[in-house]
Amino acid sequence: MAIPVLELNLTSPPTLWRQHHGMIGWAALALGALALAASLSVSILAYRDANLAGRDAVLKTSEARDVIHQQQVIEDGLKKVDVEKELPKWKLAERILTERSLPWSRLTAELERSLVQDVRLTSIQRTRSSAQAVELKIAGEAKARTSEESFVDSLRGNPFFNQVILERESERQGGGINFEYTLTISPTPPAYEPLPEYGPVRSPQAAVPAPAAKPVPPVPVTAKPMIIPPSAPSSPVQPKPLPPIAPPIHRPPLGVRPGSPGYPQPPNDSDKGGRP
């Protein structure tokens, strides 16, 4: 009987490495070189960033030290300031600065802008509130209640004034109203606008002209004859007799007695032509 033939293959089957081991090796070597280059570049960039960050930290530290030093100098200077002595100067400077920011010309211009017909101002006073805000205290007169209401509405419509406060109001003798208001100025006043060329607009009632008066026909005047009273007959004027002249009084001189040789004698009527 014949011996069967056994087919045996003792070699391992071909693999990818065996077939392309050269190409795979060079590719792995290239990938390794690229990874090494990438790691080196990343390391270099990280070192550079760290170096820059260190420099910035040093600069910031020096700047912080300078700031701290300046702050200490300022604190030392503030500690040496006498507040009680310098406070009046600061208040004066603040007052001057605030007054320059709101001059009288601006205040009067805004009041003139808000005035209406039949209203006049008699007093304007500038004061300050507890919050150091500028206030105006005004006093005036209005011919009627409607004129005063129009004036208040005009003040409230002006953005320059923040608030309108009524202080006092009374009726005048003979008609009209006296009033006193306190006007608070807005902390952020608007920009100035030039005043109109003409004054306030008149009310419709005041703008309508009065109707012309009808001409009165002349009354005929009849002339009356003048009656002259008869004059009295003329008579000659008789002159009034003059009063008689009194005889002179003879007085004796001082120290002369009656009956003495130097005593004067009364005049004799016979010498003048009179009866004895």
C-alpha atoms as a PDB file:
ATOM      1  CA  MET A   1       0.000   0.000   0.000  1.00  0.00           C
ATOM      2  CA  ALA A   2       1.456   3.422  -1.009  1.00  0.00           C
ATOM      3  CA  ILE A   3       2.315   6.061   1.606  1.00  0.00           C
ATOM      4  CA  PRO A   4       0.149   9.240   1.330  1.00  0.00           C
ATOM      5  CA  VAL A   5       1.911  12.536   0.582  1.00  0.00           C
ATOM      6  CA  LEU A   6       1.478  15.215   3.208  1.00  0.00           C
ATOM      7  CA  GLU A   7       1.517  18.868   1.940  1.00  0.00           C
ATOM      8  CA  LEU A   8       3.149  20.969   4.649  1.00  0.00           C
ATOM      9  CA  ASN A   9       4.140  24.707   4.417  1.00  0.00           C
ATOM     10  CA  LEU A  10       6.297  25.540   7.390  1.00  0.00           C
ATOM     11  CA  THR A  11       6.933  29.183   6.358  1.00  0.00           C
ATOM     12  CA  SER A  12       4.794  31.891   7.910  1.00  0.00           C
ATOM     13  CA  PRO A  13       2.314  33.648   5.688  1.00  0.00           C
ATOM     14  CA  PRO A  14       3.468  37.006   4.214  1.00  0.00           C
ATOM     15  CA  THR A  15       2.555  40.101   6.251  1.00  0.00           C
ATOM     16  CA  LEU A  16       2.461  43.845   5.512  1.00  0.00           C
ATOM     17  CA  TRP A  17       5.666  44.443   7.423  1.00  0.00           C
ATOM     18  CA  ARG A  18       7.474  41.779   5.504  1.00  0.00           C
ATOM     19  CA  GLN A  19       6.173  43.059   2.228  1.00  0.00           C
ATOM     20  CA  HIS A  20       6.735  46.837   2.900  1.00  0.00           C
ATOM     21  CA  HIS A  21       9.062  46.956   5.887  1.00  0.00           C
ATOM     22  CA  GLY A  22      11.416  49.438   4.215  1.00  0.00           C
ATOM     23  CA  MET A  23       8.742  51.963   3.345  1.00  0.00           C
ATOM     24  CA  ILE A  24       7.079  51.665   6.737  1.00  0.00           C
ATOM     25  CA  GLY A  25      10.395  52.223   8.518  1.00  0.00           C
ATOM     26  CA  TRP A  26      11.222  55.394   6.615  1.00  0.00           C
ATOM     27  CA  ALA A  27       7.682  56.717   7.173  1.00  0.00           C
ATOM     28  CA  ALA A  28       7.967  56.094  10.936  1.00  0.00           C
ATOM     29  CA  LEU A  29      11.341  57.825  10.944  1.00  0.00           C
ATOM     30  CA  ALA A  30       9.867  60.866   9.115  1.00  0.00           C
ATOM     31  CA  LEU A  31       6.954  61.040  11.549  1.00  0.00           C
ATOM     32  CA  GLY A  32       9.346  60.912  14.467  1.00  0.00           C
ATOM     33  CA  ALA A  33      11.395  63.771  13.007  1.00  0.00           C
ATOM     34  CA  LEU A  34       8.247  65.866  12.485  1.00  0.00           C
ATOM     35  CA  ALA A  35       7.125  65.203  16.053  1.00  0.00           C
ATOM     36  CA  LEU A  36      10.545  66.176  17.346  1.00  0.00           C
ATOM     37  CA  ALA A  37      10.486  69.409  15.327  1.00  0.00           C
ATOM     38  CA  ALA A  38       6.979  70.228  16.540  1.00  0.00           C
ATOM     39  CA  SER A  39       7.934  69.609  20.157  1.00  0.00           C
ATOM     40  CA  LEU A  40      11.044  71.760  19.752  1.00  0.00           C
ATOM     41  CA  SER A  41       9.058  74.629  18.218  1.00  0.00           C
ATOM     42  CA  VAL A  42       6.420  74.435  20.943  1.00  0.00           C
ATOM     43  CA  SER A  43       9.142  74.440  23.584  1.00  0.00           C
ATOM     44  CA  ILE A  44      10.819  77.447  21.991  1.00  0.00           C
ATOM     45  CA  LEU A  45       7.515  79.371  21.839  1.00  0.00           C
ATOM     46  CA  ALA A  46       6.705  78.476  25.439  1.00  0.00           C
ATOM     47  CA  TYR A  47      10.143  79.633  26.561  1.00  0.00           C
ATOM     48  CA  ARG A  48       9.698  82.881  24.668  1.00  0.00           C
ATOM     49  CA  ASP A  49       6.266  83.499  26.195  1.00  0.00           C
ATOM     50  CA  ALA A  50       7.613  82.727  29.627  1.00  0.00           C
ATOM     51  CA  ASN A  51      10.482  85.142  29.099  1.00  0.00           C
ATOM     52  CA  LEU A  52       8.097  87.904  27.964  1.00  0.00           C
ATOM     53  CA  ALA A  53       5.768  87.220  30.859  1.00  0.00           C
ATOM     54  CA  GLY A  54       8.703  87.451  33.245  1.00  0.00           C
ATOM     55  CA  ARG A  55       9.725  90.801  31.805  1.00  0.00           C
ATOM     56  CA  ASP A  56       6.146  92.069  32.034  1.00  0.00           C
ATOM     57  CA  ALA A  57       5.937  90.904  35.607  1.00  0.00           C
ATOM     58  CA  VAL A  58       9.125  92.725  36.448  1.00  0.00           C
ATOM     59  CA  LEU A  59       7.865  95.899  34.752  1.00  0.00           C
ATOM     60  CA  LYS A  60       4.500  95.625  36.447  1.00  0.00           C
ATOM     61  CA  THR A  61       6.202  95.061  39.745  1.00  0.00           C
ATOM     62  CA  SER A  62       8.332  98.172  39.290  1.00  0.00           C
ATOM     63  CA  GLU A  63       5.293 100.193  38.168  1.00  0.00           C
ATOM     64  CA  ALA A  64       3.349  98.920  41.134  1.00  0.00           C
ATOM     65  CA  ARG A  65       6.172  99.948  43.402  1.00  0.00           C
ATOM     66  CA  ASP A  66       6.234 103.419  41.811  1.00  0.00           C
ATOM     67  CA  VAL A  67       2.476 103.735  42.200  1.00  0.00           C
ATOM     68  CA  ILE A  68       2.663 102.666  45.813  1.00  0.00           C
ATOM     69  CA  HIS A  69       5.465 105.155  46.402  1.00  0.00           C
ATOM     70  CA  GLN A  70       3.468 107.985  44.797  1.00  0.00           C
ATOM     71  CA  GLN A  71       0.421 107.022  46.820  1.00  0.00           C
ATOM     72  CA  GLN A  72       2.422 107.176  50.008  1.00  0.00           C
ATOM     73  CA  VAL A  73       3.795 110.594  49.030  1.00  0.00           C
ATOM     74  CA  ILE A  74       0.263 111.862  48.370  1.00  0.00           C
ATOM     75  CA  GLU A  75      -1.005 110.453  51.660  1.00  0.00           C
ATOM     76  CA  ASP A  76       1.867 112.097  53.513  1.00  0.00           C
ATOM     77  CA  GLY A  77       1.065 115.415  51.816  1.00  0.00           C
ATOM     78  CA  LEU A  78      -2.619 115.109  52.708  1.00  0.00           C
ATOM     79  CA  LYS A  79      -1.761 114.353  56.305  1.00  0.00           C
ATOM     80  CA  LYS A  80       0.204 117.598  56.492  1.00  0.00           C
ATOM     81  CA  VAL A  81      -2.725 119.704  55.172  1.00  0.00           C
ATOM     82  CA  ASP A  82      -4.615 121.703  57.803  1.00  0.00           C
ATOM     83  CA  VAL A  83      -8.240 121.073  56.859  1.00  0.00           C
ATOM     84  CA  GLU A  84      -9.714 123.747  59.138  1.00  0.00           C
ATOM     85  CA  LYS A  85      -7.392 126.362  57.673  1.00  0.00           C
ATOM     86  CA  GLU A  86      -7.816 125.405  54.023  1.00  0.00           C
ATOM     87  CA  LEU A  87     -11.560 124.685  54.093  1.00  0.00           C
ATOM     88  CA  PRO A  88     -12.677 128.332  53.580  1.00  0.00           C
ATOM     89  CA  LYS A  89     -10.391 128.619  50.546  1.00  0.00           C
ATOM     90  CA  TRP A  90     -11.810 125.434  49.029  1.00  0.00           C
ATOM     91  CA  LYS A  91     -15.375 126.594  49.623  1.00  0.00           C
ATOM     92  CA  LEU A  92     -14.600 129.959  48.039  1.00  0.00           C
ATOM     93  CA  ALA A  93     -13.007 128.277  45.026  1.00  0.00           C
ATOM     94  CA  GLU A  94     -15.990 125.948  44.679  1.00  0.00           C
ATOM     95  CA  ARG A  95     -18.394 128.878  44.929  1.00  0.00           C
ATOM     96  CA  ILE A  96     -16.501 130.873  42.296  1.00  0.00           C
ATOM     97  CA  LEU A  97     -16.389 127.857  39.982  1.00  0.00           C
ATOM     98  CA  THR A  98     -20.113 127.220  40.350  1.00  0.00           C
ATOM     99  CA  GLU A  99     -21.011 130.880  39.872  1.00  0.00           C
ATOM    100  CA  ARG A 100     -18.910 131.025  36.736  1.00  0.00           C
ATOM    101  CA  SER A 101     -20.692 127.989  35.402  1.00  0.00           C
ATOM    102  CA  LEU A 102     -24.073 129.774  35.900  1.00  0.00           C
ATOM    103  CA  PRO A 103     -23.489 133.536  35.404  1.00  0.00           C
ATOM    104  CA  TRP A 104     -26.122 136.218  35.989  1.00  0.00           C
ATOM    105  CA  SER A 105     -26.422 136.824  32.263  1.00  0.00           C
ATOM    106  CA  ARG A 106     -27.583 133.227  31.700  1.00  0.00           C
ATOM    107  CA  LEU A 107     -30.071 133.380  34.596  1.00  0.00           C
ATOM    108  CA  THR A 108     -31.623 136.668  33.458  1.00  0.00           C
ATOM    109  CA  ALA A 109     -31.768 135.439  29.864  1.00  0.00           C
ATOM    110  CA  GLU A 110     -33.702 132.325  30.887  1.00  0.00           C
ATOM    111  CA  LEU A 111     -36.082 134.419  33.019  1.00  0.00           C
ATOM    112  CA  GLU A 112     -36.627 136.747  30.072  1.00  0.00           C
ATOM    113  CA  ARG A 113     -37.299 133.733  27.856  1.00  0.00           C
ATOM    114  CA  SER A 114     -39.992 132.509  30.270  1.00  0.00           C
ATOM    115  CA  LEU A 115     -41.772 135.833  30.793  1.00  0.00           C
ATOM    116  CA  VAL A 116     -45.292 136.237  29.422  1.00  0.00           C
ATOM    117  CA  GLN A 117     -47.601 139.147  28.792  1.00  0.00           C
ATOM    118  CA  ASP A 118     -49.062 141.066  31.785  1.00  0.00           C
ATOM    119  CA  VAL A 119     -46.399 139.735  34.226  1.00  0.00           C
ATOM    120  CA  ARG A 120     -43.452 141.649  35.638  1.00  0.00           C
ATOM    121  CA  LEU A 121     -40.713 140.776  38.137  1.00  0.00           C
ATOM    122  CA  THR A 122     -39.962 143.086  41.052  1.00  0.00           C
ATOM    123  CA  SER A 123     -37.208 141.143  42.851  1.00  0.00           C
ATOM    124  CA  ILE A 124     -34.585 138.510  41.913  1.00  0.00           C
ATOM    125  CA  GLN A 125     -32.369 136.877  44.543  1.00  0.00           C
ATOM    126  CA  ARG A 126     -29.745 134.188  43.989  1.00  0.00           C
ATOM    127  CA  THR A 127     -29.199 131.678  46.825  1.00  0.00           C
ATOM    128  CA  ARG A 128     -27.861 128.184  47.445  1.00  0.00           C
ATOM    129  CA  SER A 129     -29.637 125.173  48.868  1.00  0.00           C
ATOM    130  CA  SER A 130     -28.270 122.699  51.418  1.00  0.00           C
ATOM    131  CA  ALA A 131     -27.055 120.551  48.509  1.00  0.00           C
ATOM    132  CA  GLN A 132     -25.059 123.532  47.109  1.00  0.00           C
ATOM    133  CA  ALA A 133     -27.497 123.872  44.203  1.00  0.00           C
ATOM    134  CA  VAL A 134     -28.186 127.314  42.731  1.00  0.00           C
ATOM    135  CA  GLU A 135     -31.693 128.657  43.413  1.00  0.00           C
ATOM    136  CA  LEU A 136     -33.534 131.795  42.306  1.00  0.00           C
ATOM    137  CA  LYS A 137     -36.088 133.521  44.524  1.00  0.00           C
ATOM    138  CA  ILE A 138     -38.257 135.822  42.450  1.00  0.00           C
ATOM    139  CA  ALA A 139     -41.135 138.130  43.330  1.00  0.00           C
ATOM    140  CA  GLY A 140     -43.480 139.739  40.839  1.00  0.00           C
ATOM    141  CA  GLU A 141     -46.930 140.920  39.883  1.00  0.00           C
ATOM    142  CA  ALA A 142     -49.539 139.641  37.453  1.00  0.00           C
ATOM    143  CA  LYS A 143     -52.598 141.458  36.181  1.00  0.00           C
ATOM    144  CA  ALA A 144     -54.807 138.355  36.244  1.00  0.00           C
ATOM    145  CA  ARG A 145     -54.819 134.732  37.358  1.00  0.00           C
ATOM    146  CA  THR A 146     -54.526 133.502  33.776  1.00  0.00           C
ATOM    147  CA  SER A 147     -51.335 135.521  33.278  1.00  0.00           C
ATOM    148  CA  GLU A 148     -49.786 133.963  36.380  1.00  0.00           C
ATOM    149  CA  GLU A 149     -50.742 130.458  35.235  1.00  0.00           C
ATOM    150  CA  SER A 150     -49.192 131.110  31.825  1.00  0.00           C
ATOM    151  CA  PHE A 151     -45.991 132.294  33.517  1.00  0.00           C
ATOM    152  CA  VAL A 152     -45.815 129.143  35.684  1.00  0.00           C
ATOM    153  CA  ASP A 153     -46.409 126.912  32.657  1.00  0.00           C
ATOM    154  CA  SER A 154     -43.641 128.752  30.788  1.00  0.00           C
ATOM    155  CA  LEU A 155     -41.224 128.216  33.695  1.00  0.00           C
ATOM    156  CA  ARG A 156     -42.055 124.515  33.902  1.00  0.00           C
ATOM    157  CA  GLY A 157     -41.611 124.139  30.155  1.00  0.00           C
ATOM    158  CA  ASN A 158     -38.107 125.635  30.300  1.00  0.00           C
ATOM    159  CA  PRO A 159     -35.579 122.764  30.792  1.00  0.00           C
ATOM    160  CA  PHE A 160     -33.181 125.202  32.466  1.00  0.00           C
ATOM    161  CA  PHE A 161     -35.367 125.225  35.614  1.00  0.00           C
ATOM    162  CA  ASN A 162     -35.699 121.975  37.496  1.00  0.00           C
ATOM    163  CA  GLN A 163     -38.560 122.853  39.863  1.00  0.00           C
ATOM    164  CA  VAL A 164     -40.963 125.753  40.523  1.00  0.00           C
ATOM    165  CA  ILE A 165     -41.990 126.179  44.202  1.00  0.00           C
ATOM    166  CA  LEU A 166     -44.720 128.625  45.241  1.00  0.00           C
ATOM    167  CA  GLU A 167     -43.709 130.532  48.380  1.00  0.00           C
ATOM    168  CA  ARG A 168     -46.433 133.195  48.723  1.00  0.00           C
ATOM    169  CA  GLU A 169     -49.387 134.521  46.785  1.00  0.00           C
ATOM    170  CA  SER A 170     -51.793 137.369  47.571  1.00  0.00           C
ATOM    171  CA  GLU A 171     -54.291 139.577  45.764  1.00  0.00           C
ATOM    172  CA  ARG A 172     -53.439 143.209  45.165  1.00  0.00           C
ATOM    173  CA  GLN A 173     -55.676 146.137  45.964  1.00  0.00           C
ATOM    174  CA  GLY A 174     -57.282 147.327  42.776  1.00  0.00           C
ATOM    175  CA  GLY A 175     -56.801 144.020  40.938  1.00  0.00           C
ATOM    176  CA  GLY A 176     -53.873 141.752  40.197  1.00  0.00           C
ATOM    177  CA  ILE A 177     -51.841 139.148  42.106  1.00  0.00           C
ATOM    178  CA  ASN A 178     -48.537 139.351  43.972  1.00  0.00           C
ATOM    179  CA  PHE A 179     -46.475 136.151  43.975  1.00  0.00           C
ATOM    180  CA  GLU A 180     -43.141 134.773  45.167  1.00  0.00           C
ATOM    181  CA  TYR A 181     -41.508 131.663  43.692  1.00  0.00           C
ATOM    182  CA  THR A 182     -38.342 129.640  44.295  1.00  0.00           C
ATOM    183  CA  LEU A 183     -36.757 128.238  41.114  1.00  0.00           C
ATOM    184  CA  THR A 184     -34.199 125.425  41.340  1.00  0.00           C
ATOM    185  CA  ILE A 185     -31.676 125.247  38.510  1.00  0.00           C
ATOM    186  CA  SER A 186     -31.133 121.965  36.700  1.00  0.00           C
ATOM    187  CA  PRO A 187     -27.778 120.284  37.583  1.00  0.00           C
ATOM    188  CA  THR A 188     -27.189 119.676  33.846  1.00  0.00           C
ATOM    189  CA  PRO A 189     -28.570 122.794  32.117  1.00  0.00           C
ATOM    190  CA  PRO A 190     -29.009 122.664  28.346  1.00  0.00           C
ATOM    191  CA  ALA A 191     -26.878 124.642  25.941  1.00  0.00           C
ATOM    192  CA  TYR A 192     -27.720 128.327  25.613  1.00  0.00           C
ATOM    193  CA  GLU A 193     -29.970 129.351  22.756  1.00  0.00           C
ATOM    194  CA  PRO A 194     -30.183 133.004  21.650  1.00  0.00           C
ATOM    195  CA  LEU A 195     -33.303 134.888  22.667  1.00  0.00           C
ATOM    196  CA  PRO A 196     -35.865 135.735  19.985  1.00  0.00           C
ATOM    197  CA  GLU A 197     -35.653 139.125  18.360  1.00  0.00           C
ATOM    198  CA  TYR A 198     -38.977 140.248  19.775  1.00  0.00           C
ATOM    199  CA  GLY A 199     -40.554 139.953  23.205  1.00  0.00           C
ATOM    200  CA  PRO A 200     -43.125 137.427  24.421  1.00  0.00           C
ATOM    201  CA  VAL A 201     -46.046 136.595  22.212  1.00  0.00           C
ATOM    202  CA  ARG A 202     -49.154 138.501  23.189  1.00  0.00           C
ATOM    203  CA  SER A 203     -52.269 136.637  24.180  1.00  0.00           C
ATOM    204  CA  PRO A 204     -55.058 136.346  21.568  1.00  0.00           C
ATOM    205  CA  GLN A 205     -57.255 138.685  23.575  1.00  0.00           C
ATOM    206  CA  ALA A 206     -54.563 141.350  23.699  1.00  0.00           C
ATOM    207  CA  ALA A 207     -53.683 140.861  20.020  1.00  0.00           C
ATOM    208  CA  VAL A 208     -57.231 141.589  18.788  1.00  0.00           C
ATOM    209  CA  PRO A 209     -57.559 145.357  18.260  1.00  0.00           C
ATOM    210  CA  ALA A 210     -60.378 147.133  20.026  1.00  0.00           C
ATOM    211  CA  PRO A 211     -63.397 148.015  17.850  1.00  0.00           C
ATOM    212  CA  ALA A 212     -63.331 151.538  16.562  1.00  0.00           C
ATOM    213  CA  ALA A 213     -65.722 153.896  18.298  1.00  0.00           C
ATOM    214  CA  LYS A 214     -68.673 155.114  16.257  1.00  0.00           C
ATOM    215  CA  PRO A 215     -68.502 158.798  15.416  1.00  0.00           C
ATOM    216  CA  VAL A 216     -70.974 160.881  17.432  1.00  0.00           C
ATOM    217  CA  PRO A 217     -72.984 163.291  15.289  1.00  0.00           C
ATOM    218  CA  PRO A 218     -72.349 166.894  16.215  1.00  0.00           C
ATOM    219  CA  VAL A 219     -75.080 168.602  18.234  1.00  0.00           C
ATOM    220  CA  PRO A 220     -76.257 171.847  16.581  1.00  0.00           C
ATOM    221  CA  VAL A 221     -75.643 174.812  18.801  1.00  0.00           C
ATOM    222  CA  THR A 222     -77.995 177.778  18.451  1.00  0.00           C
ATOM    223  CA  ALA A 223     -76.507 181.107  19.284  1.00  0.00           C
ATOM    224  CA  LYS A 224     -78.456 183.093  21.854  1.00  0.00           C
ATOM    225  CA  PRO A 225     -78.455 186.896  21.874  1.00  0.00           C
ATOM    226  CA  MET A 226     -76.348 188.380  24.605  1.00  0.00           C
ATOM    227  CA  ILE A 227     -78.366 190.566  27.011  1.00  0.00           C
ATOM    228  CA  ILE A 228     -76.403 193.532  28.331  1.00  0.00           C
ATOM    229  CA  PRO A 229     -77.821 195.005  31.577  1.00  0.00           C
ATOM    230  CA  PRO A 230     -78.439 198.789  31.487  1.00  0.00           C
ATOM    231  CA  SER A 231     -75.649 200.750  32.969  1.00  0.00           C
ATOM    232  CA  ALA A 232     -76.330 203.118  35.902  1.00  0.00           C
ATOM    233  CA  PRO A 233     -76.229 206.855  35.204  1.00  0.00           C
ATOM    234  CA  SER A 234     -72.847 208.317  35.693  1.00  0.00           C
ATOM    235  CA  SER A 235     -72.541 210.680  38.665  1.00  0.00           C
ATOM    236  CA  PRO A 236     -69.565 212.765  39.652  1.00  0.00           C
ATOM    237  CA  VAL A 237     -67.412 211.265  42.359  1.00  0.00           C
ATOM    238  CA  GLN A 238     -67.430 213.393  45.478  1.00  0.00           C
ATOM    239  CA  PRO A 239     -64.039 213.477  47.219  1.00  0.00           C
ATOM    240  CA  LYS A 240     -64.065 212.453  50.868  1.00  0.00           C
ATOM    241  CA  PRO A 241     -63.199 215.169  53.410  1.00  0.00           C
ATOM    242  CA  LEU A 242     -59.824 214.831  55.034  1.00  0.00           C
ATOM    243  CA  PRO A 243     -59.742 214.313  58.835  1.00  0.00           C
ATOM    244  CA  PRO A 244     -58.753 217.359  60.966  1.00  0.00           C
ATOM    245  CA  ILE A 245     -55.137 217.647  61.893  1.00  0.00           C
ATOM    246  CA  ALA A 246     -54.563 217.194  65.605  1.00  0.00           C
ATOM    247  CA  PRO A 247     -52.545 219.948  67.326  1.00  0.00           C
ATOM    248  CA  PRO A 248     -49.022 219.036  68.271  1.00  0.00           C
ATOM    249  CA  ILE A 249     -48.440 217.937  71.827  1.00  0.00           C
ATOM    250  CA  HIS A 250     -45.844 219.976  73.677  1.00  0.00           C
ATOM    251  CA  ARG A 251     -43.992 217.947  76.238  1.00  0.00           C
ATOM    252  CA  PRO A 252     -41.724 219.587  78.805  1.00  0.00           C
ATOM    253  CA  PRO A 253     -38.119 218.587  78.818  1.00  0.00           C
ATOM    254  CA  LEU A 254     -36.872 216.281  81.474  1.00  0.00           C
ATOM    255  CA  GLY A 255     -36.408 217.837  84.914  1.00  0.00           C
ATOM    256  CA  VAL A 256     -38.719 220.873  84.276  1.00  0.00           C
ATOM    257  CA  ARG A 257     -41.709 221.245  86.556  1.00  0.00           C
ATOM    258  CA  PRO A 258     -45.041 222.832  85.577  1.00  0.00           C
ATOM    259  CA  GLY A 259     -45.172 226.601  86.328  1.00  0.00           C
ATOM    260  CA  SER A 260     -41.442 227.075  86.030  1.00  0.00           C
ATOM    261  CA  PRO A 261     -40.018 229.512  83.512  1.00  0.00           C
ATOM    262  CA  GLY A 262     -38.907 226.744  81.151  1.00  0.00           C
ATOM    263  CA  TYR A 263     -42.272 224.965  81.158  1.00  0.00           C
ATOM    264  CA  PRO A 264     -44.104 225.446  77.789  1.00  0.00           C
ATOM    265  CA  GLN A 265     -47.566 227.094  77.750  1.00  0.00           C
ATOM    266  CA  PRO A 266     -50.538 225.544  75.838  1.00  0.00           C
ATOM    267  CA  PRO A 267     -51.456 227.366  72.610  1.00  0.00           C
ATOM    268  CA  ASN A 268     -54.298 229.918  72.637  1.00  0.00           C
ATOM    269  CA  ASP A 269     -57.303 229.157  70.457  1.00  0.00           C
ATOM    270  CA  SER A 270     -57.801 232.827  69.736  1.00  0.00           C
ATOM    271  CA  ASP A 271     -54.542 232.886  67.863  1.00  0.00           C
ATOM    272  CA  LYS A 272     -55.960 230.368  65.359  1.00  0.00           C
ATOM    273  CA  GLY A 273     -59.175 232.231  64.719  1.00  0.00           C
ATOM    274  CA  GLY A 274     -61.375 230.027  66.883  1.00  0.00           C
ATOM    275  CA  ARG A 275     -64.113 231.098  69.258  1.00  0.00           C
ATOM    276  CA  PRO A 276     -63.168 232.259  72.844  1.00  0.00           C
END
